[in-house]
């Protein structure tokens, strides 16, 4: 897939990135090489290869799921601007 200058400018616009023409030209080359690598990877035969969550066969050490501090809701709600029935009241954002 050939990547063109207009494609990079459109992607930058959609991502809300300010991109000048000089940078866009450089990104055309960089992104083109990335897409070529993706095409090479897609050509590989992965039949029978199990998906991995992690490349090493390790397990994560987890701490015990225990309560480490008491309920401080009342303390935090005392400094909140608006509270009702134990809930924080916030201004409506969506009509």
PDB file of N, CA and C in Angstrom:
ATOM      1  N   UNK A   1       0.848  -1.178   0.000  1.00  0.00           N
ATOM      2  CA  UNK A   1       0.000   0.000   0.000  1.00  0.00           C
ATOM      3  C   UNK A   1       0.893   1.240   0.000  1.00  0.00           C
ATOM      4  N   UNK A   2       0.753   2.044  -0.997  1.00  0.00           N
ATOM      5  CA  UNK A   2       1.550   3.272  -1.097  1.00  0.00           C
ATOM      6  C   UNK A   2       0.894   4.364  -0.260  1.00  0.00           C
ATOM      7  N   UNK A   3       1.683   4.979   0.558  1.00  0.00           N
ATOM      8  CA  UNK A   3       1.199   6.052   1.415  1.00  0.00           C
ATOM      9  C   UNK A   3       1.562   7.380   0.770  1.00  0.00           C
ATOM     10  N   UNK A   4       0.637   8.286   0.726  1.00  0.00           N
ATOM     11  CA  UNK A   4       0.873   9.575   0.088  1.00  0.00           C
ATOM     12  C   UNK A   4       0.835  10.696   1.122  1.00  0.00           C
ATOM     13  N   UNK A   5       1.340  11.837   0.711  1.00  0.00           N
ATOM     14  CA  UNK A   5       1.411  13.020   1.578  1.00  0.00           C
ATOM     15  C   UNK A   5       0.022  13.384   2.113  1.00  0.00           C
ATOM     16  N   UNK A   6      -0.995  13.297   1.261  1.00  0.00           N
ATOM     17  CA  UNK A   6      -2.360  13.645   1.675  1.00  0.00           C
ATOM     18  C   UNK A   6      -2.875  12.684   2.743  1.00  0.00           C
ATOM     19  N   UNK A   7      -2.457  11.398   2.681  1.00  0.00           N
ATOM     20  CA  UNK A   7      -2.877  10.421   3.693  1.00  0.00           C
ATOM     21  C   UNK A   7      -2.326  10.802   5.064  1.00  0.00           C
ATOM     22  N   UNK A   8      -1.065  11.218   5.093  1.00  0.00           N
ATOM     23  CA  UNK A   8      -0.440  11.606   6.363  1.00  0.00           C
ATOM     24  C   UNK A   8      -1.094  12.876   6.902  1.00  0.00           C
ATOM     25  N   UNK A   9      -1.360  13.828   6.034  1.00  0.00           N
ATOM     26  CA  UNK A   9      -2.015  15.064   6.477  1.00  0.00           C
ATOM     27  C   UNK A   9      -3.407  14.767   7.022  1.00  0.00           C
ATOM     28  N   UNK A  10      -4.143  13.860   6.379  1.00  0.00           N
ATOM     29  CA  UNK A  10      -5.488  13.513   6.856  1.00  0.00           C
ATOM     30  C   UNK A  10      -5.423  12.807   8.209  1.00  0.00           C
ATOM     31  N   UNK A  11      -4.487  11.879   8.357  1.00  0.00           N
ATOM     32  CA  UNK A  11      -4.324  11.185   9.636  1.00  0.00           C
ATOM     33  C   UNK A  11      -3.959  12.179  10.740  1.00  0.00           C
ATOM     34  N   UNK A  12      -3.091  13.128  10.422  1.00  0.00           N
ATOM     35  CA  UNK A  12      -2.713  14.142  11.406  1.00  0.00           C
ATOM     36  C   UNK A  12      -3.917  15.005  11.776  1.00  0.00           C
ATOM     37  N   UNK A  13      -4.728  15.341  10.788  1.00  0.00           N
ATOM     38  CA  UNK A  13      -5.928  16.142  11.059  1.00  0.00           C
ATOM     39  C   UNK A  13      -6.901  15.368  11.949  1.00  0.00           C
ATOM     40  N   UNK A  14      -7.115  14.086  11.641  1.00  0.00           N
ATOM     41  CA  UNK A  14      -8.034  13.277  12.445  1.00  0.00           C
ATOM     42  C   UNK A  14      -7.537  13.112  13.876  1.00  0.00           C
ATOM     43  N   UNK A  15      -6.210  13.063  14.042  1.00  0.00           N
ATOM     44  CA  UNK A  15      -5.621  12.929  15.375  1.00  0.00           C
ATOM     45  C   UNK A  15      -5.438  14.277  16.057  1.00  0.00           C
ATOM     46  N   UNK A  16      -5.866  15.345  15.375  1.00  0.00           N
ATOM     47  CA  UNK A  16      -5.757  16.711  15.891  1.00  0.00           C
ATOM     48  C   UNK A  16      -4.303  17.074  16.191  1.00  0.00           C
ATOM     49  N   UNK A  17      -3.401  16.704  15.242  1.00  0.00           N
ATOM     50  CA  UNK A  17      -1.990  17.018  15.373  1.00  0.00           C
ATOM     51  C   UNK A  17      -1.634  18.138  14.409  1.00  0.00           C
ATOM     52  N   UNK A  18      -0.887  19.095  14.878  1.00  0.00           N
ATOM     53  CA  UNK A  18      -0.385  20.140  13.994  1.00  0.00           C
ATOM     54  C   UNK A  18       0.855  19.618  13.286  1.00  0.00           C
ATOM     55  N   UNK A  19       0.802  19.486  11.963  1.00  0.00           N
ATOM     56  CA  UNK A  19       1.891  18.878  11.219  1.00  0.00           C
ATOM     57  C   UNK A  19       2.218  19.762  10.024  1.00  0.00           C
ATOM     58  N   UNK A  20       3.477  20.236   9.947  1.00  0.00           N
ATOM     59  CA  UNK A  20       3.851  21.047   8.793  1.00  0.00           C
ATOM     60  C   UNK A  20       4.243  20.141   7.622  1.00  0.00           C
ATOM     61  N   UNK A  21       4.419  20.720   6.445  1.00  0.00           N
ATOM     62  CA  UNK A  21       4.688  19.935   5.239  1.00  0.00           C
ATOM     63  C   UNK A  21       6.006  19.175   5.314  1.00  0.00           C
ATOM     64  N   UNK A  22       7.010  19.781   5.938  1.00  0.00           N
ATOM     65  CA  UNK A  22       8.309  19.112   6.061  1.00  0.00           C
ATOM     66  C   UNK A  22       8.199  17.846   6.902  1.00  0.00           C
ATOM     67  N   UNK A  23       7.514  17.947   8.039  1.00  0.00           N
ATOM     68  CA  UNK A  23       7.325  16.776   8.898  1.00  0.00           C
ATOM     69  C   UNK A  23       6.466  15.734   8.204  1.00  0.00           C
ATOM     70  N   UNK A  24       5.427  16.168   7.517  1.00  0.00           N
ATOM     71  CA  UNK A  24       4.545  15.227   6.829  1.00  0.00           C
ATOM     72  C   UNK A  24       5.311  14.421   5.790  1.00  0.00           C
ATOM     73  N   UNK A  25       6.218  15.072   5.063  1.00  0.00           N
ATOM     74  CA  UNK A  25       7.025  14.375   4.064  1.00  0.00           C
ATOM     75  C   UNK A  25       7.895  13.312   4.721  1.00  0.00           C
ATOM     76  N   UNK A  26       8.487  13.650   5.864  1.00  0.00           N
ATOM     77  CA  UNK A  26       9.314  12.674   6.589  1.00  0.00           C
ATOM     78  C   UNK A  26       8.458  11.517   7.090  1.00  0.00           C
ATOM     79  N   UNK A  27       7.254  11.818   7.574  1.00  0.00           N
ATOM     80  CA  UNK A  27       6.377  10.768   8.082  1.00  0.00           C
ATOM     81  C   UNK A  27       5.876   9.858   6.974  1.00  0.00           C
ATOM     82  N   UNK A  28       5.757  10.352   5.745  1.00  0.00           N
ATOM     83  CA  UNK A  28       5.359   9.496   4.632  1.00  0.00           C
ATOM     84  C   UNK A  28       6.358   8.351   4.505  1.00  0.00           C
ATOM     85  N   UNK A  29       7.662   8.669   4.563  1.00  0.00           N
ATOM     86  CA  UNK A  29       8.697   7.640   4.464  1.00  0.00           C
ATOM     87  C   UNK A  29       8.671   6.704   5.669  1.00  0.00           C
ATOM     88  N   UNK A  30       8.603   7.285   6.873  1.00  0.00           N
ATOM     89  CA  UNK A  30       8.615   6.472   8.094  1.00  0.00           C
ATOM     90  C   UNK A  30       7.419   5.528   8.151  1.00  0.00           C
ATOM     91  N   UNK A  31       6.245   6.066   7.929  1.00  0.00           N
ATOM     92  CA  UNK A  31       5.036   5.233   7.988  1.00  0.00           C
ATOM     93  C   UNK A  31       5.009   4.214   6.858  1.00  0.00           C
ATOM     94  N   UNK A  32       5.560   4.580   5.706  1.00  0.00           N
ATOM     95  CA  UNK A  32       5.644   3.626   4.598  1.00  0.00           C
ATOM     96  C   UNK A  32       6.487   2.425   4.967  1.00  0.00           C
ATOM     97  N   UNK A  33       7.629   2.652   5.643  1.00  0.00           N
ATOM     98  CA  UNK A  33       8.470   1.533   6.081  1.00  0.00           C
ATOM     99  C   UNK A  33       7.753   0.686   7.137  1.00  0.00           C
ATOM    100  N   UNK A  34       7.006   1.317   8.018  1.00  0.00           N
ATOM    101  CA  UNK A  34       6.252   0.567   9.030  1.00  0.00           C
ATOM    102  C   UNK A  34       5.209  -0.315   8.358  1.00  0.00           C
ATOM    103  N   UNK A  35       4.502   0.236   7.385  1.00  0.00           N
ATOM    104  CA  UNK A  35       3.488  -0.551   6.683  1.00  0.00           C
ATOM    105  C   UNK A  35       4.112  -1.693   5.885  1.00  0.00           C
ATOM    106  N   UNK A  36       5.308  -1.483   5.331  1.00  0.00           N
ATOM    107  CA  UNK A  36       6.008  -2.570   4.647  1.00  0.00           C
ATOM    108  C   UNK A  36       6.334  -3.691   5.622  1.00  0.00           C
ATOM    109  N   UNK A  37       6.753  -3.340   6.834  1.00  0.00           N
ATOM    110  CA  UNK A  37       7.063  -4.352   7.841  1.00  0.00           C
ATOM    111  C   UNK A  37       5.801  -5.119   8.232  1.00  0.00           C
ATOM    112  N   UNK A  38       4.680  -4.419   8.356  1.00  0.00           N
ATOM    113  CA  UNK A  38       3.421  -5.080   8.675  1.00  0.00           C
ATOM    114  C   UNK A  38       3.055  -6.062   7.570  1.00  0.00           C
ATOM    115  N   UNK A  39       3.250  -5.672   6.320  1.00  0.00           N
ATOM    116  CA  UNK A  39       2.978  -6.579   5.209  1.00  0.00           C
ATOM    117  C   UNK A  39       3.863  -7.816   5.276  1.00  0.00           C
ATOM    118  N   UNK A  40       5.138  -7.630   5.641  1.00  0.00           N
ATOM    119  CA  UNK A  40       6.043  -8.782   5.778  1.00  0.00           C
ATOM    120  C   UNK A  40       5.564  -9.717   6.879  1.00  0.00           C
ATOM    121  N   UNK A  41       5.125  -9.152   7.992  1.00  0.00           N
ATOM    122  CA  UNK A  41       4.650  -9.972   9.105  1.00  0.00           C
ATOM    123  C   UNK A  41       3.368 -10.713   8.742  1.00  0.00           C
ATOM    124  N   UNK A  42       2.501 -10.079   7.970  1.00  0.00           N
ATOM    125  CA  UNK A  42       1.266 -10.735   7.570  1.00  0.00           C
ATOM    126  C   UNK A  42       1.513 -11.895   6.626  1.00  0.00           C
ATOM    127  N   UNK A  43       2.638 -11.884   5.935  1.00  0.00           N
ATOM    128  CA  UNK A  43       2.956 -12.956   5.005  1.00  0.00           C
ATOM    129  C   UNK A  43       3.465 -14.208   5.722  1.00  0.00           C
ATOM    130  N   UNK A  44       3.815 -14.106   6.989  1.00  0.00           N
ATOM    131  CA  UNK A  44       4.326 -15.254   7.729  1.00  0.00           C
ATOM    132  C   UNK A  44       3.222 -16.271   8.001  1.00  0.00           C
ATOM    133  N   UNK A  45       3.601 -17.546   8.002  1.00  0.00           N
ATOM    134  CA  UNK A  45       2.664 -18.617   8.316  1.00  0.00           C
ATOM    135  C   UNK A  45       2.606 -18.791   9.833  1.00  0.00           C
ATOM    136  N   UNK A  46       1.479 -18.486  10.420  1.00  0.00           N
ATOM    137  CA  UNK A  46       1.324 -18.602  11.876  1.00  0.00           C
ATOM    138  C   UNK A  46       0.377 -19.739  12.249  1.00  0.00           C
ATOM    139  N   UNK A  47       0.145 -20.641  11.331  1.00  0.00           N
ATOM    140  CA  UNK A  47      -0.737 -21.787  11.600  1.00  0.00           C
ATOM    141  C   UNK A  47      -0.147 -22.619  12.736  1.00  0.00           C
ATOM    142  N   UNK A  48      -0.934 -22.889  13.734  1.00  0.00           N
ATOM    143  CA  UNK A  48      -0.494 -23.703  14.861  1.00  0.00           C
ATOM    144  C   UNK A  48       0.276 -22.948  15.928  1.00  0.00           C
ATOM    145  N   UNK A  49       0.428 -21.651  15.782  1.00  0.00           N
ATOM    146  CA  UNK A  49       1.132 -20.856  16.787  1.00  0.00           C
ATOM    147  C   UNK A  49       0.089 -20.270  17.732  1.00  0.00           C
ATOM    148  N   UNK A  50       0.210 -20.621  18.996  1.00  0.00           N
ATOM    149  CA  UNK A  50      -0.752 -20.138  19.986  1.00  0.00           C
ATOM    150  C   UNK A  50      -0.484 -18.665  20.298  1.00  0.00           C
ATOM    151  N   UNK A  51      -1.525 -17.863  20.462  1.00  0.00           N
ATOM    152  CA  UNK A  51      -1.319 -16.457  20.826  1.00  0.00           C
ATOM    153  C   UNK A  51      -0.733 -16.346  22.232  1.00  0.00           C
ATOM    154  N   UNK A  52       0.076 -15.308  22.429  1.00  0.00           N
ATOM    155  CA  UNK A  52       0.731 -15.095  23.715  1.00  0.00           C
ATOM    156  C   UNK A  52       0.232 -13.819  24.371  1.00  0.00           C
ATOM    157  N   UNK A  53       0.094 -13.855  25.674  1.00  0.00           N
ATOM    158  CA  UNK A  53      -0.184 -12.640  26.428  1.00  0.00           C
ATOM    159  C   UNK A  53       1.130 -12.015  26.866  1.00  0.00           C
ATOM    160  N   UNK A  54       2.176 -12.845  26.962  1.00  0.00           N
ATOM    161  CA  UNK A  54       3.493 -12.391  27.390  1.00  0.00           C
ATOM    162  C   UNK A  54       4.522 -13.340  26.787  1.00  0.00           C
ATOM    163  N   UNK A  55       5.655 -12.837  26.320  1.00  0.00           N
ATOM    164  CA  UNK A  55       6.623 -13.724  25.676  1.00  0.00           C
ATOM    165  C   UNK A  55       7.328 -14.681  26.626  1.00  0.00           C
ATOM    166  N   UNK A  56       7.311 -14.410  27.907  1.00  0.00           N
ATOM    167  CA  UNK A  56       7.948 -15.294  28.880  1.00  0.00           C
ATOM    168  C   UNK A  56       6.887 -16.062  29.650  1.00  0.00           C
ATOM    169  N   UNK A  57       7.216 -17.266  30.032  1.00  0.00           N
ATOM    170  CA  UNK A  57       6.279 -18.091  30.785  1.00  0.00           C
ATOM    171  C   UNK A  57       6.412 -17.786  32.279  1.00  0.00           C
ATOM    172  N   UNK A  58       5.851 -16.649  32.684  1.00  0.00           N
ATOM    173  CA  UNK A  58       5.931 -16.231  34.080  1.00  0.00           C
ATOM    174  C   UNK A  58       4.534 -15.872  34.563  1.00  0.00           C
ATOM    175  N   UNK A  59       4.371 -15.885  35.853  1.00  0.00           N
ATOM    176  CA  UNK A  59       3.105 -15.441  36.434  1.00  0.00           C
ATOM    177  C   UNK A  59       3.388 -14.202  37.279  1.00  0.00           C
ATOM    178  N   UNK A  60       2.418 -13.363  37.360  1.00  0.00           N
ATOM    179  CA  UNK A  60       2.571 -12.128  38.119  1.00  0.00           C
ATOM    180  C   UNK A  60       2.280 -12.389  39.587  1.00  0.00           C
ATOM    181  N   UNK A  61       3.187 -11.906  40.434  1.00  0.00           N
ATOM    182  CA  UNK A  61       2.948 -12.042  41.866  1.00  0.00           C
ATOM    183  C   UNK A  61       1.902 -11.030  42.289  1.00  0.00           C
ATOM    184  N   UNK A  62       0.849 -11.491  42.894  1.00  0.00           N
ATOM    185  CA  UNK A  62      -0.234 -10.606  43.314  1.00  0.00           C
ATOM    186  C   UNK A  62      -0.290 -10.544  44.828  1.00  0.00           C
ATOM    187  N   UNK A  63      -0.641  -9.400  45.336  1.00  0.00           N
ATOM    188  CA  UNK A  63      -0.818  -9.278  46.780  1.00  0.00           C
ATOM    189  C   UNK A  63      -2.190  -9.805  47.166  1.00  0.00           C
ATOM    190  N   UNK A  64      -2.354 -10.085  48.413  1.00  0.00           N
ATOM    191  CA  UNK A  64      -3.645 -10.551  48.910  1.00  0.00           C
ATOM    192  C   UNK A  64      -4.673  -9.429  48.786  1.00  0.00           C
ATOM    193  N   UNK A  65      -5.889  -9.762  48.442  1.00  0.00           N
ATOM    194  CA  UNK A  65      -6.955  -8.786  48.276  1.00  0.00           C
ATOM    195  C   UNK A  65      -7.581  -8.519  49.641  1.00  0.00           C
ATOM    196  N   UNK A  66      -6.943  -7.626  50.385  1.00  0.00           N
ATOM    197  CA  UNK A  66      -7.390  -7.316  51.739  1.00  0.00           C
ATOM    198  C   UNK A  66      -7.602  -5.818  51.877  1.00  0.00           C
ATOM    199  N   UNK A  67      -8.537  -5.416  52.712  1.00  0.00           N
ATOM    200  CA  UNK A  67      -8.769  -4.000  52.999  1.00  0.00           C
ATOM    201  C   UNK A  67      -7.582  -3.493  53.806  1.00  0.00           C
ATOM    202  N   UNK A  68      -6.979  -2.396  53.334  1.00  0.00           N
ATOM    203  CA  UNK A  68      -5.808  -1.859  54.030  1.00  0.00           C
ATOM    204  C   UNK A  68      -6.091  -0.535  54.725  1.00  0.00           C
ATOM    205  N   UNK A  69      -7.227   0.091  54.416  1.00  0.00           N
ATOM    206  CA  UNK A  69      -7.592   1.317  55.124  1.00  0.00           C
ATOM    207  C   UNK A  69      -9.103   1.366  55.284  1.00  0.00           C
ATOM    208  N   UNK A  70      -9.521   2.069  56.278  1.00  0.00           N
ATOM    209  CA  UNK A  70     -10.948   2.142  56.584  1.00  0.00           C
ATOM    210  C   UNK A  70     -11.723   3.053  55.645  1.00  0.00           C
ATOM    211  N   UNK A  71     -13.043   3.015  55.801  1.00  0.00           N
ATOM    212  CA  UNK A  71     -13.939   3.846  54.996  1.00  0.00           C
ATOM    213  C   UNK A  71     -13.780   5.308  55.404  1.00  0.00           C
ATOM    214  N   UNK A  72     -13.415   6.171  54.444  1.00  0.00           N
ATOM    215  CA  UNK A  72     -13.207   7.587  54.721  1.00  0.00           C
ATOM    216  C   UNK A  72     -14.166   8.457  53.920  1.00  0.00           C
ATOM    217  N   UNK A  73     -15.287   7.889  53.513  1.00  0.00           N
ATOM    218  CA  UNK A  73     -16.224   8.623  52.671  1.00  0.00           C
ATOM    219  C   UNK A  73     -16.702   9.905  53.344  1.00  0.00           C
ATOM    220  N   UNK A  74     -17.076   9.835  54.597  1.00  0.00           N
ATOM    221  CA  UNK A  74     -17.561  11.025  55.306  1.00  0.00           C
ATOM    222  C   UNK A  74     -16.506  12.122  55.323  1.00  0.00           C
ATOM    223  N   UNK A  75     -15.273  11.754  55.555  1.00  0.00           N
ATOM    224  CA  UNK A  75     -14.185  12.727  55.596  1.00  0.00           C
ATOM    225  C   UNK A  75     -14.033  13.423  54.245  1.00  0.00           C
ATOM    226  N   UNK A  76     -14.064  12.657  53.164  1.00  0.00           N
ATOM    227  CA  UNK A  76     -13.889  13.238  51.834  1.00  0.00           C
ATOM    228  C   UNK A  76     -15.108  14.043  51.403  1.00  0.00           C
ATOM    229  N   UNK A  77     -16.285  13.621  51.812  1.00  0.00           N
ATOM    230  CA  UNK A  77     -17.478  14.340  51.399  1.00  0.00           C
ATOM    231  C   UNK A  77     -17.658  15.642  52.162  1.00  0.00           C
ATOM    232  N   UNK A  78     -17.020  15.778  53.304  1.00  0.00           N
ATOM    233  CA  UNK A  78     -17.103  17.042  54.046  1.00  0.00           C
ATOM    234  C   UNK A  78     -16.494  18.191  53.251  1.00  0.00           C
ATOM    235  N   UNK A  79     -15.481  17.910  52.432  1.00  0.00           N
ATOM    236  CA  UNK A  79     -14.841  18.991  51.669  1.00  0.00           C
ATOM    237  C   UNK A  79     -15.378  19.085  50.242  1.00  0.00           C
ATOM    238  N   UNK A  80     -16.357  18.252  49.871  1.00  0.00           N
ATOM    239  CA  UNK A  80     -16.942  18.313  48.526  1.00  0.00           C
ATOM    240  C   UNK A  80     -17.910  19.482  48.435  1.00  0.00           C
ATOM    241  N   UNK A  81     -18.006  20.133  47.285  1.00  0.00           N
ATOM    242  CA  UNK A  81     -18.906  21.277  47.154  1.00  0.00           C
ATOM    243  C   UNK A  81     -20.380  20.899  47.258  1.00  0.00           C
ATOM    244  N   UNK A  82     -20.783  19.719  46.773  1.00  0.00           N
ATOM    245  CA  UNK A  82     -22.198  19.340  46.834  1.00  0.00           C
ATOM    246  C   UNK A  82     -22.315  17.824  46.992  1.00  0.00           C
ATOM    247  N   UNK A  83     -23.059  17.414  48.043  1.00  0.00           N
ATOM    248  CA  UNK A  83     -23.258  15.988  48.329  1.00  0.00           C
ATOM    249  C   UNK A  83     -24.716  15.789  48.707  1.00  0.00           C
ATOM    250  N   UNK A  84     -25.280  14.663  48.268  1.00  0.00           N
ATOM    251  CA  UNK A  84     -26.658  14.350  48.636  1.00  0.00           C
ATOM    252  C   UNK A  84     -26.799  12.838  48.775  1.00  0.00           C
ATOM    253  N   UNK A  85     -27.261  12.382  49.919  1.00  0.00           N
ATOM    254  CA  UNK A  85     -27.462  10.961  50.195  1.00  0.00           C
ATOM    255  C   UNK A  85     -26.193  10.147  49.962  1.00  0.00           C
ATOM    256  N   UNK A  86     -25.045  10.707  50.318  1.00  0.00           N
ATOM    257  CA  UNK A  86     -23.786   9.987  50.176  1.00  0.00           C
ATOM    258  C   UNK A  86     -23.207  10.007  48.774  1.00  0.00           C
ATOM    259  N   UNK A  87     -23.818  10.766  47.871  1.00  0.00           N
ATOM    260  CA  UNK A  87     -23.334  10.840  46.492  1.00  0.00           C
ATOM    261  C   UNK A  87     -22.819  12.243  46.205  1.00  0.00           C
ATOM    262  N   UNK A  88     -21.784  12.317  45.366  1.00  0.00           N
ATOM    263  CA  UNK A  88     -21.262  13.607  44.937  1.00  0.00           C
ATOM    264  C   UNK A  88     -22.163  14.152  43.834  1.00  0.00           C
ATOM    265  N   UNK A  89     -22.546  15.415  43.953  1.00  0.00           N
ATOM    266  CA  UNK A  89     -23.353  16.057  42.929  1.00  0.00           C
ATOM    267  C   UNK A  89     -22.427  16.891  42.040  1.00  0.00           C
ATOM    268  N   UNK A  90     -22.562  16.682  40.729  1.00  0.00           N
ATOM    269  CA  UNK A  90     -21.717  17.391  39.764  1.00  0.00           C
ATOM    270  C   UNK A  90     -22.614  18.088  38.756  1.00  0.00           C
ATOM    271  N   UNK A  91     -22.111  19.131  38.108  1.00  0.00           N
ATOM    272  CA  UNK A  91     -22.917  19.822  37.112  1.00  0.00           C
ATOM    273  C   UNK A  91     -23.231  18.915  35.909  1.00  0.00           C
ATOM    274  N   UNK A  92     -24.408  19.077  35.341  1.00  0.00           N
ATOM    275  CA  UNK A  92     -24.788  18.309  34.158  1.00  0.00           C
ATOM    276  C   UNK A  92     -23.917  18.766  32.998  1.00  0.00           C
ATOM    277  N   UNK A  93     -23.365  17.804  32.262  1.00  0.00           N
ATOM    278  CA  UNK A  93     -22.503  18.115  31.136  1.00  0.00           C
ATOM    279  C   UNK A  93     -23.222  17.843  29.820  1.00  0.00           C
ATOM    280  N   UNK A  94     -24.017  16.785  29.774  1.00  0.00           N
ATOM    281  CA  UNK A  94     -24.734  16.403  28.562  1.00  0.00           C
ATOM    282  C   UNK A  94     -26.210  16.660  28.772  1.00  0.00           C
ATOM    283  N   UNK A  95     -26.799  17.335  27.826  1.00  0.00           N
ATOM    284  CA  UNK A  95     -28.240  17.628  27.918  1.00  0.00           C
ATOM    285  C   UNK A  95     -29.034  16.495  27.324  1.00  0.00           C
TER     286      UNK A  95
END
